Amino acid sequence: SWHVLSPTSAESVQAEFALEVLTGLSERPKRLNSRW
């Protein structure tokens, strides 16, 4: 009952999470994106 536009692998989600954590905690002031 639903259409998948672009299947997202667990590995790609994990890589995006890691990148955003690295970017956010390297900034001043530090931040984490609420989407996670």
PDB file of all heavy atoms in Angstrom:
ATOM      1  N   SER A   1       0.802  -1.222   0.000  1.00  0.00           N
ATOM      2  CA  SER A   1       0.000   0.000   0.000  1.00  0.00           C
ATOM      3  C   SER A   1       0.832   1.268   0.000  1.00  0.00           C
ATOM      4  O   SER A   1       0.333   2.335   0.315  1.00  0.00           O
ATOM      5  CB  SER A   1      -0.932   0.005   1.220  1.00  0.00           C
ATOM      6  OG  SER A   1      -1.828  -1.082   1.172  1.00  0.00           O
ATOM      7  N   TRP A   2       2.120   1.160  -0.338  1.00  0.00           N
ATOM      8  CA  TRP A   2       2.935   2.370  -0.453  1.00  0.00           C
ATOM      9  C   TRP A   2       3.982   2.189  -1.529  1.00  0.00           C
ATOM     10  O   TRP A   2       4.345   1.078  -1.906  1.00  0.00           O
ATOM     11  CB  TRP A   2       3.596   2.733   0.875  1.00  0.00           C
ATOM     12  CG  TRP A   2       4.408   1.648   1.518  1.00  0.00           C
ATOM     13  CD1 TRP A   2       5.726   1.367   1.314  1.00  0.00           C
ATOM     14  CD2 TRP A   2       3.946   0.705   2.496  1.00  0.00           C
ATOM     15  NE1 TRP A   2       6.112   0.311   2.083  1.00  0.00           N
ATOM     16  CE2 TRP A   2       5.052  -0.114   2.836  1.00  0.00           C
ATOM     17  CE3 TRP A   2       2.721   0.473   3.119  1.00  0.00           C
ATOM     18  CZ2 TRP A   2       4.951  -1.145   3.759  1.00  0.00           C
ATOM     19  CZ3 TRP A   2       2.628  -0.538   4.042  1.00  0.00           C
ATOM     20  CH2 TRP A   2       3.725  -1.340   4.357  1.00  0.00           C
ATOM     21  N   HIS A   3       4.450   3.326  -2.051  1.00  0.00           N
ATOM     22  CA  HIS A   3       5.451   3.342  -3.108  1.00  0.00           C
ATOM     23  C   HIS A   3       6.752   3.886  -2.546  1.00  0.00           C
ATOM     24  O   HIS A   3       6.763   4.923  -1.877  1.00  0.00           O
ATOM     25  CB  HIS A   3       4.981   4.233  -4.270  1.00  0.00           C
ATOM     26  CG  HIS A   3       5.978   4.326  -5.381  1.00  0.00           C
ATOM     27  ND1 HIS A   3       6.122   3.351  -6.342  1.00  0.00           N
ATOM     28  CD2 HIS A   3       6.890   5.291  -5.683  1.00  0.00           C
ATOM     29  CE1 HIS A   3       7.067   3.699  -7.188  1.00  0.00           C
ATOM     30  NE2 HIS A   3       7.558   4.870  -6.809  1.00  0.00           N
ATOM     31  N   VAL A   4       7.849   3.175  -2.799  1.00  0.00           N
ATOM     32  CA  VAL A   4       9.164   3.586  -2.304  1.00  0.00           C
ATOM     33  C   VAL A   4       9.888   4.323  -3.434  1.00  0.00           C
ATOM     34  O   VAL A   4      10.182   3.742  -4.484  1.00  0.00           O
ATOM     35  CB  VAL A   4       9.994   2.373  -1.841  1.00  0.00           C
ATOM     36  CG1 VAL A   4      11.363   2.832  -1.335  1.00  0.00           C
ATOM     37  CG2 VAL A   4       9.246   1.611  -0.749  1.00  0.00           C
ATOM     38  N   LEU A   5      10.158   5.622  -3.218  1.00  0.00           N
ATOM     39  CA  LEU A   5      10.800   6.418  -4.260  1.00  0.00           C
ATOM     40  C   LEU A   5      12.276   6.096  -4.397  1.00  0.00           C
ATOM     41  O   LEU A   5      12.789   5.943  -5.502  1.00  0.00           O
ATOM     42  CB  LEU A   5      10.637   7.913  -3.954  1.00  0.00           C
ATOM     43  CG  LEU A   5       9.230   8.492  -4.062  1.00  0.00           C
ATOM     44  CD1 LEU A   5       9.263   9.976  -3.782  1.00  0.00           C
ATOM     45  CD2 LEU A   5       8.651   8.234  -5.459  1.00  0.00           C
ATOM     46  N   SER A   6      12.969   6.035  -3.259  1.00  0.00           N
ATOM     47  CA  SER A   6      14.411   5.803  -3.310  1.00  0.00           C
ATOM     48  C   SER A   6      14.812   4.980  -2.104  1.00  0.00           C
ATOM     49  O   SER A   6      14.987   5.534  -1.013  1.00  0.00           O
ATOM     50  CB  SER A   6      15.174   7.130  -3.319  1.00  0.00           C
ATOM     51  OG  SER A   6      14.732   7.963  -2.263  1.00  0.00           O
ATOM     52  N   PRO A   7      14.913   3.665  -2.279  1.00  0.00           N
ATOM     53  CA  PRO A   7      15.285   2.815  -1.140  1.00  0.00           C
ATOM     54  C   PRO A   7      16.566   3.305  -0.473  1.00  0.00           C
ATOM     55  O   PRO A   7      17.550   3.635  -1.141  1.00  0.00           O
ATOM     56  CB  PRO A   7      15.488   1.441  -1.796  1.00  0.00           C
ATOM     57  CG  PRO A   7      14.688   1.495  -3.064  1.00  0.00           C
ATOM     58  CD  PRO A   7      14.770   2.917  -3.532  1.00  0.00           C
ATOM     59  N   THR A   8      16.556   3.379   0.852  1.00  0.00           N
ATOM     60  CA  THR A   8      17.699   3.862   1.613  1.00  0.00           C
ATOM     61  C   THR A   8      18.243   2.719   2.457  1.00  0.00           C
ATOM     62  O   THR A   8      17.527   2.152   3.275  1.00  0.00           O
ATOM     63  CB  THR A   8      17.283   5.033   2.519  1.00  0.00           C
ATOM     64  OG1 THR A   8      16.691   6.051   1.716  1.00  0.00           O
ATOM     65  CG2 THR A   8      18.485   5.601   3.245  1.00  0.00           C
ATOM     66  N   SER A   9      19.498   2.392   2.259  1.00  0.00           N
ATOM     67  CA  SER A   9      20.100   1.292   3.005  1.00  0.00           C
ATOM     68  C   SER A   9      20.438   1.751   4.414  1.00  0.00           C
ATOM     69  O   SER A   9      20.669   2.933   4.676  1.00  0.00           O
ATOM     70  CB  SER A   9      21.367   0.806   2.305  1.00  0.00           C
ATOM     71  OG  SER A   9      22.382   1.779   2.383  1.00  0.00           O
ATOM     72  N   ALA A  10      20.484   0.775   5.313  1.00  0.00           N
ATOM     73  CA  ALA A  10      20.871   1.088   6.690  1.00  0.00           C
ATOM     74  C   ALA A  10      22.280   1.673   6.722  1.00  0.00           C
ATOM     75  O   ALA A  10      22.584   2.551   7.534  1.00  0.00           O
ATOM     76  CB  ALA A  10      20.784  -0.168   7.540  1.00  0.00           C
ATOM     77  N   GLU A  11      23.140   1.199   5.818  1.00  0.00           N
ATOM     78  CA  GLU A  11      24.519   1.681   5.792  1.00  0.00           C
ATOM     79  C   GLU A  11      24.593   3.155   5.419  1.00  0.00           C
ATOM     80  O   GLU A  11      25.362   3.925   6.001  1.00  0.00           O
ATOM     81  CB  GLU A  11      25.354   0.858   4.805  1.00  0.00           C
ATOM     82  CG  GLU A  11      25.592  -0.589   5.229  1.00  0.00           C
ATOM     83  CD  GLU A  11      24.389  -1.489   4.978  1.00  0.00           C
ATOM     84  OE1 GLU A  11      23.429  -1.030   4.303  1.00  0.00           O
ATOM     85  OE2 GLU A  11      24.389  -2.632   5.463  1.00  0.00           O
ATOM     86  N   SER A  12      23.759   3.597   4.462  1.00  0.00           N
ATOM     87  CA  SER A  12      23.801   4.997   4.045  1.00  0.00           C
ATOM     88  C   SER A  12      23.238   5.908   5.127  1.00  0.00           C
ATOM     89  O   SER A  12      23.725   7.018   5.339  1.00  0.00           O
ATOM     90  CB  SER A  12      23.042   5.195   2.734  1.00  0.00           C
ATOM     91  OG  SER A  12      21.667   4.913   2.880  1.00  0.00           O
ATOM     92  N   VAL A  13      22.201   5.440   5.837  1.00  0.00           N
ATOM     93  CA  VAL A  13      21.653   6.217   6.954  1.00  0.00           C
ATOM     94  C   VAL A  13      22.705   6.356   8.049  1.00  0.00           C
ATOM     95  O   VAL A  13      22.908   7.441   8.616  1.00  0.00           O
ATOM     96  CB  VAL A  13      20.372   5.554   7.512  1.00  0.00           C
ATOM     97  CG1 VAL A  13      19.927   6.250   8.795  1.00  0.00           C
ATOM     98  CG2 VAL A  13      19.268   5.594   6.471  1.00  0.00           C
ATOM     99  N   GLN A  14      23.402   5.250   8.342  1.00  0.00           N
ATOM    100  CA  GLN A  14      24.450   5.269   9.360  1.00  0.00           C
ATOM    101  C   GLN A  14      25.560   6.234   8.975  1.00  0.00           C
ATOM    102  O   GLN A  14      26.081   6.981   9.823  1.00  0.00           O
ATOM    103  CB  GLN A  14      25.024   3.865   9.545  1.00  0.00           C
ATOM    104  CG  GLN A  14      25.880   3.704  10.780  1.00  0.00           C
ATOM    105  CD  GLN A  14      25.038   3.435  12.016  1.00  0.00           C
ATOM    106  OE1 GLN A  14      23.845   3.711  12.022  1.00  0.00           O
ATOM    107  NE2 GLN A  14      25.640   2.900  13.041  1.00  0.00           N
ATOM    108  N   ALA A  15      25.936   6.241   7.707  1.00  0.00           N
ATOM    109  CA  ALA A  15      27.000   7.138   7.242  1.00  0.00           C
ATOM    110  C   ALA A  15      26.572   8.594   7.361  1.00  0.00           C
ATOM    111  O   ALA A  15      27.370   9.462   7.754  1.00  0.00           O
ATOM    112  CB  ALA A  15      27.368   6.806   5.800  1.00  0.00           C
ATOM    113  N   GLU A  16      25.304   8.880   7.049  1.00  0.00           N
ATOM    114  CA  GLU A  16      24.803  10.247   7.157  1.00  0.00           C
ATOM    115  C   GLU A  16      24.759  10.690   8.618  1.00  0.00           C
ATOM    116  O   GLU A  16      25.109  11.826   8.950  1.00  0.00           O
ATOM    117  CB  GLU A  16      23.424  10.343   6.528  1.00  0.00           C
ATOM    118  CG  GLU A  16      22.885  11.767   6.466  1.00  0.00           C
ATOM    119  CD  GLU A  16      21.529  11.857   5.794  1.00  0.00           C
ATOM    120  OE1 GLU A  16      20.972  10.797   5.419  1.00  0.00           O
ATOM    121  OE2 GLU A  16      21.014  12.985   5.665  1.00  0.00           O
ATOM    122  N   PHE A  17      24.327   9.796   9.489  1.00  0.00           N
ATOM    123  CA  PHE A  17      24.302  10.081  10.923  1.00  0.00           C
ATOM    124  C   PHE A  17      25.705  10.412  11.416  1.00  0.00           C
ATOM    125  O   PHE A  17      25.928  11.419  12.106  1.00  0.00           O
ATOM    126  CB  PHE A  17      23.718   8.878  11.666  1.00  0.00           C
ATOM    127  CG  PHE A  17      23.596   9.029  13.157  1.00  0.00           C
ATOM    128  CD1 PHE A  17      23.261  10.242  13.741  1.00  0.00           C
ATOM    129  CD2 PHE A  17      23.800   7.926  13.989  1.00  0.00           C
ATOM    130  CE1 PHE A  17      23.138  10.368  15.123  1.00  0.00           C
ATOM    131  CE2 PHE A  17      23.675   8.042  15.371  1.00  0.00           C
ATOM    132  CZ  PHE A  17      23.361   9.268  15.939  1.00  0.00           C
ATOM    133  N   ALA A  18      26.659   9.592  11.058  1.00  0.00           N
ATOM    134  CA  ALA A  18      28.036   9.808  11.493  1.00  0.00           C
ATOM    135  C   ALA A  18      28.564  11.158  11.006  1.00  0.00           C
ATOM    136  O   ALA A  18      29.211  11.901  11.764  1.00  0.00           O
ATOM    137  CB  ALA A  18      28.930   8.677  10.985  1.00  0.00           C
ATOM    138  N   LEU A  19      28.293  11.480   9.740  1.00  0.00           N
ATOM    139  CA  LEU A  19      28.776  12.747   9.185  1.00  0.00           C
ATOM    140  C   LEU A  19      28.168  13.936   9.916  1.00  0.00           C
ATOM    141  O   LEU A  19      28.861  14.913  10.230  1.00  0.00           O
ATOM    142  CB  LEU A  19      28.449  12.816   7.697  1.00  0.00           C
ATOM    143  CG  LEU A  19      28.864  14.111   6.980  1.00  0.00           C
ATOM    144  CD1 LEU A  19      30.370  14.317   7.094  1.00  0.00           C
ATOM    145  CD2 LEU A  19      28.429  14.072   5.523  1.00  0.00           C
ATOM    146  N   GLU A  20      26.869  13.859  10.220  1.00  0.00           N
ATOM    147  CA  GLU A  20      26.217  14.985  10.888  1.00  0.00           C
ATOM    148  C   GLU A  20      26.698  15.126  12.331  1.00  0.00           C
ATOM    149  O   GLU A  20      26.813  16.245  12.840  1.00  0.00           O
ATOM    150  CB  GLU A  20      24.697  14.847  10.819  1.00  0.00           C
ATOM    151  CG  GLU A  20      24.156  15.030   9.416  1.00  0.00           C
ATOM    152  CD  GLU A  20      22.729  15.562   9.405  1.00  0.00           C
ATOM    153  OE1 GLU A  20      22.164  15.826  10.480  1.00  0.00           O
ATOM    154  OE2 GLU A  20      22.187  15.707   8.298  1.00  0.00           O
ATOM    155  N   VAL A  21      26.969  14.013  13.010  1.00  0.00           N
ATOM    156  CA  VAL A  21      27.512  14.089  14.364  1.00  0.00           C
ATOM    157  C   VAL A  21      28.907  14.709  14.326  1.00  0.00           C
ATOM    158  O   VAL A  21      29.237  15.594  15.137  1.00  0.00           O
ATOM    159  CB  VAL A  21      27.546  12.699  15.024  1.00  0.00           C
ATOM    160  CG1 VAL A  21      28.354  12.733  16.333  1.00  0.00           C
ATOM    161  CG2 VAL A  21      26.128  12.206  15.302  1.00  0.00           C
ATOM    162  N   LEU A  22      29.736  14.273  13.388  1.00  0.00           N
ATOM    163  CA  LEU A  22      31.086  14.833  13.255  1.00  0.00           C
ATOM    164  C   LEU A  22      31.024  16.330  12.981  1.00  0.00           C
ATOM    165  O   LEU A  22      31.724  17.127  13.623  1.00  0.00           O
ATOM    166  CB  LEU A  22      31.835  14.119  12.129  1.00  0.00           C
ATOM    167  CG  LEU A  22      33.225  14.674  11.794  1.00  0.00           C
ATOM    168  CD1 LEU A  22      34.164  14.548  12.981  1.00  0.00           C
ATOM    169  CD2 LEU A  22      33.795  13.963  10.563  1.00  0.00           C
ATOM    170  N   THR A  23      30.172  16.726  12.045  1.00  0.00           N
ATOM    171  CA  THR A  23      30.069  18.140  11.688  1.00  0.00           C
ATOM    172  C   THR A  23      29.556  18.964  12.858  1.00  0.00           C
ATOM    173  O   THR A  23      30.128  20.003  13.218  1.00  0.00           O
ATOM    174  CB  THR A  23      29.124  18.306  10.483  1.00  0.00           C
ATOM    175  OG1 THR A  23      29.621  17.532   9.378  1.00  0.00           O
ATOM    176  CG2 THR A  23      29.026  19.763  10.076  1.00  0.00           C
ATOM    177  N   GLY A  24      28.479  18.482  13.485  1.00  0.00           N
ATOM    178  CA  GLY A  24      27.858  19.257  14.554  1.00  0.00           C
ATOM    179  C   GLY A  24      28.730  19.420  15.779  1.00  0.00           C
ATOM    180  O   GLY A  24      28.795  20.504  16.374  1.00  0.00           O
ATOM    181  N   LEU A  25      29.428  18.349  16.185  1.00  0.00           N
ATOM    182  CA  LEU A  25      30.258  18.428  17.385  1.00  0.00           C
ATOM    183  C   LEU A  25      31.593  19.119  17.118  1.00  0.00           C
ATOM    184  O   LEU A  25      32.334  19.427  18.066  1.00  0.00           O
ATOM    185  CB  LEU A  25      30.488  17.032  17.960  1.00  0.00           C
ATOM    186  CG  LEU A  25      29.246  16.321  18.492  1.00  0.00           C
ATOM    187  CD1 LEU A  25      29.619  14.985  19.133  1.00  0.00           C
ATOM    188  CD2 LEU A  25      28.464  17.184  19.481  1.00  0.00           C
ATOM    189  N   SER A  26      31.890  19.383  15.847  1.00  0.00           N
ATOM    190  CA  SER A  26      33.110  20.117  15.504  1.00  0.00           C
ATOM    191  C   SER A  26      32.860  21.612  15.413  1.00  0.00           C
ATOM    192  O   SER A  26      33.809  22.400  15.288  1.00  0.00           O
ATOM    193  CB  SER A  26      33.669  19.610  14.158  1.00  0.00           C
ATOM    194  OG  SER A  26      33.994  18.243  14.225  1.00  0.00           O
ATOM    195  N   GLU A  27      31.607  22.022  15.463  1.00  0.00           N
ATOM    196  CA  GLU A  27      31.266  23.435  15.347  1.00  0.00           C
ATOM    197  C   GLU A  27      31.347  24.128  16.704  1.00  0.00           C
ATOM    198  O   GLU A  27      31.445  23.494  17.747  1.00  0.00           O
ATOM    199  CB  GLU A  27      29.862  23.596  14.753  1.00  0.00           C
ATOM    200  CG  GLU A  27      29.791  23.176  13.298  1.00  0.00           C
ATOM    201  CD  GLU A  27      28.414  23.420  12.689  1.00  0.00           C
ATOM    202  OE1 GLU A  27      27.516  23.912  13.411  1.00  0.00           O
ATOM    203  OE2 GLU A  27      28.244  23.122  11.497  1.00  0.00           O
ATOM    204  N   ARG A  28      31.315  25.448  16.676  1.00  0.00           N
ATOM    205  CA  ARG A  28      31.250  26.256  17.894  1.00  0.00           C
ATOM    206  C   ARG A  28      30.106  27.239  17.749  1.00  0.00           C
ATOM    207  O   ARG A  28      30.166  28.105  16.889  1.00  0.00           O
ATOM    208  CB  ARG A  28      32.563  27.014  18.114  1.00  0.00           C
ATOM    209  CG  ARG A  28      33.751  26.124  18.362  1.00  0.00           C
ATOM    210  CD  ARG A  28      33.657  25.413  19.738  1.00  0.00           C
ATOM    211  NE  ARG A  28      34.866  24.642  20.019  1.00  0.00           N
ATOM    212  CZ  ARG A  28      35.059  23.403  19.634  1.00  0.00           C
ATOM    213  NH1 ARG A  28      34.120  22.776  18.948  1.00  0.00           N
ATOM    214  NH2 ARG A  28      36.168  22.763  19.931  1.00  0.00           N
ATOM    215  N   PRO A  29      29.053  27.175  18.552  1.00  0.00           N
ATOM    216  CA  PRO A  29      28.834  26.162  19.582  1.00  0.00           C
ATOM    217  C   PRO A  29      28.472  24.812  18.971  1.00  0.00           C
ATOM    218  O   PRO A  29      28.035  24.742  17.818  1.00  0.00           O
ATOM    219  CB  PRO A  29      27.663  26.739  20.382  1.00  0.00           C
ATOM    220  CG  PRO A  29      26.911  27.579  19.399  1.00  0.00           C
ATOM    221  CD  PRO A  29      27.956  28.171  18.494  1.00  0.00           C
ATOM    222  N   LYS A  30      28.638  23.758  19.755  1.00  0.00           N
ATOM    223  CA  LYS A  30      28.344  22.414  19.275  1.00  0.00           C
ATOM    224  C   LYS A  30      26.834  22.235  19.103  1.00  0.00           C
ATOM    225  O   LYS A  30      26.030  22.848  19.804  1.00  0.00           O
ATOM    226  CB  LYS A  30      28.895  21.359  20.251  1.00  0.00           C
ATOM    227  CG  LYS A  30      30.422  21.340  20.362  1.00  0.00           C
ATOM    228  CD  LYS A  30      30.870  20.285  21.330  1.00  0.00           C
ATOM    229  CE  LYS A  30      32.378  20.109  21.359  1.00  0.00           C
ATOM    230  NZ  LYS A  30      33.068  21.248  21.965  1.00  0.00           N
ATOM    231  N   ARG A  31      26.475  21.345  18.192  1.00  0.00           N
ATOM    232  CA  ARG A  31      25.048  21.097  17.936  1.00  0.00           C
ATOM    233  C   ARG A  31      24.864  19.666  17.459  1.00  0.00           C
ATOM    234  O   ARG A  31      25.798  19.028  16.957  1.00  0.00           O
ATOM    235  CB  ARG A  31      24.499  22.067  16.886  1.00  0.00           C
ATOM    236  CG  ARG A  31      25.153  21.892  15.525  1.00  0.00           C
ATOM    237  CD  ARG A  31      24.520  22.705  14.431  1.00  0.00           C
ATOM    238  NE  ARG A  31      25.213  22.461  13.159  1.00  0.00           N
ATOM    239  CZ  ARG A  31      24.966  21.442  12.349  1.00  0.00           C
ATOM    240  NH1 ARG A  31      24.042  20.541  12.691  1.00  0.00           N
ATOM    241  NH2 ARG A  31      25.617  21.284  11.220  1.00  0.00           N
ATOM    242  N   LEU A  32      23.636  19.156  17.619  1.00  0.00           N
ATOM    243  CA  LEU A  32      23.213  17.885  17.036  1.00  0.00           C
ATOM    244  C   LEU A  32      21.855  18.116  16.396  1.00  0.00           C
ATOM    245  O   LEU A  32      20.995  18.775  16.981  1.00  0.00           O
ATOM    246  CB  LEU A  32      23.128  16.782  18.103  1.00  0.00           C
ATOM    247  CG  LEU A  32      24.458  16.308  18.688  1.00  0.00           C
ATOM    248  CD1 LEU A  32      24.216  15.422  19.915  1.00  0.00           C
ATOM    249  CD2 LEU A  32      25.277  15.555  17.643  1.00  0.00           C
ATOM    250  N   ASN A  33      21.654  17.560  15.210  1.00  0.00           N
ATOM    251  CA  ASN A  33      20.416  17.776  14.471  1.00  0.00           C
ATOM    252  C   ASN A  33      19.272  17.000  15.112  1.00  0.00           C
ATOM    253  O   ASN A  33      19.378  15.797  15.366  1.00  0.00           O
ATOM    254  CB  ASN A  33      20.607  17.334  13.013  1.00  0.00           C
ATOM    255  CG  ASN A  33      19.494  17.827  12.112  1.00  0.00           C
ATOM    256  OD1 ASN A  33      18.321  17.752  12.448  1.00  0.00           O
ATOM    257  ND2 ASN A  33      19.866  18.343  10.944  1.00  0.00           N
ATOM    258  N   SER A  34      18.148  17.680  15.333  1.00  0.00           N
ATOM    259  CA  SER A  34      17.002  17.063  16.006  1.00  0.00           C
ATOM    260  C   SER A  34      16.379  15.923  15.201  1.00  0.00           C
ATOM    261  O   SER A  34      15.627  15.116  15.761  1.00  0.00           O
ATOM    262  CB  SER A  34      15.936  18.115  16.311  1.00  0.00           C
ATOM    263  OG  SER A  34      15.476  18.727  15.123  1.00  0.00           O
ATOM    264  N   ARG A  35      16.673  15.824  13.909  1.00  0.00           N
ATOM    265  CA  ARG A  35      16.100  14.730  13.111  1.00  0.00           C
ATOM    266  C   ARG A  35      16.542  13.361  13.630  1.00  0.00           C
ATOM    267  O   ARG A  35      15.858  12.356  13.420  1.00  0.00           O
ATOM    268  CB  ARG A  35      16.489  14.872  11.633  1.00  0.00           C
ATOM    269  CG  ARG A  35      17.963  14.724  11.356  1.00  0.00           C
ATOM    270  CD  ARG A  35      18.305  14.753   9.893  1.00  0.00           C
ATOM    271  NE  ARG A  35      17.889  13.540   9.207  1.00  0.00           N
ATOM    272  CZ  ARG A  35      18.440  13.116   8.069  1.00  0.00           C
ATOM    273  NH1 ARG A  35      19.417  13.807   7.507  1.00  0.00           N
ATOM    274  NH2 ARG A  35      18.022  12.017   7.507  1.00  0.00           N
ATOM    275  N   TRP A  36      17.686  13.325  14.358  1.00  0.00           N
ATOM    276  CA  TRP A  36      18.213  12.041  14.825  1.00  0.00           C
ATOM    277  C   TRP A  36      17.644  11.635  16.174  1.00  0.00           C
ATOM    278  O   TRP A  36      18.023  10.597  16.721  1.00  0.00           O
ATOM    279  CB  TRP A  36      19.740  12.096  14.875  1.00  0.00           C
ATOM    280  CG  TRP A  36      20.326  12.390  13.531  1.00  0.00           C
ATOM    281  CD1 TRP A  36      20.910  13.556  13.120  1.00  0.00           C
ATOM    282  CD2 TRP A  36      20.350  11.525  12.400  1.00  0.00           C
ATOM    283  NE1 TRP A  36      21.299  13.474  11.811  1.00  0.00           N
ATOM    284  CE2 TRP A  36      20.964  12.226  11.335  1.00  0.00           C
ATOM    285  CE3 TRP A  36      19.907  10.214  12.162  1.00  0.00           C
ATOM    286  CZ2 TRP A  36      21.152  11.681  10.073  1.00  0.00           C
ATOM    287  CZ3 TRP A  36      20.090   9.667  10.902  1.00  0.00           C
ATOM    288  CH2 TRP A  36      20.712  10.389   9.885  1.00  0.00           C
TER     289      TRP A  36
END
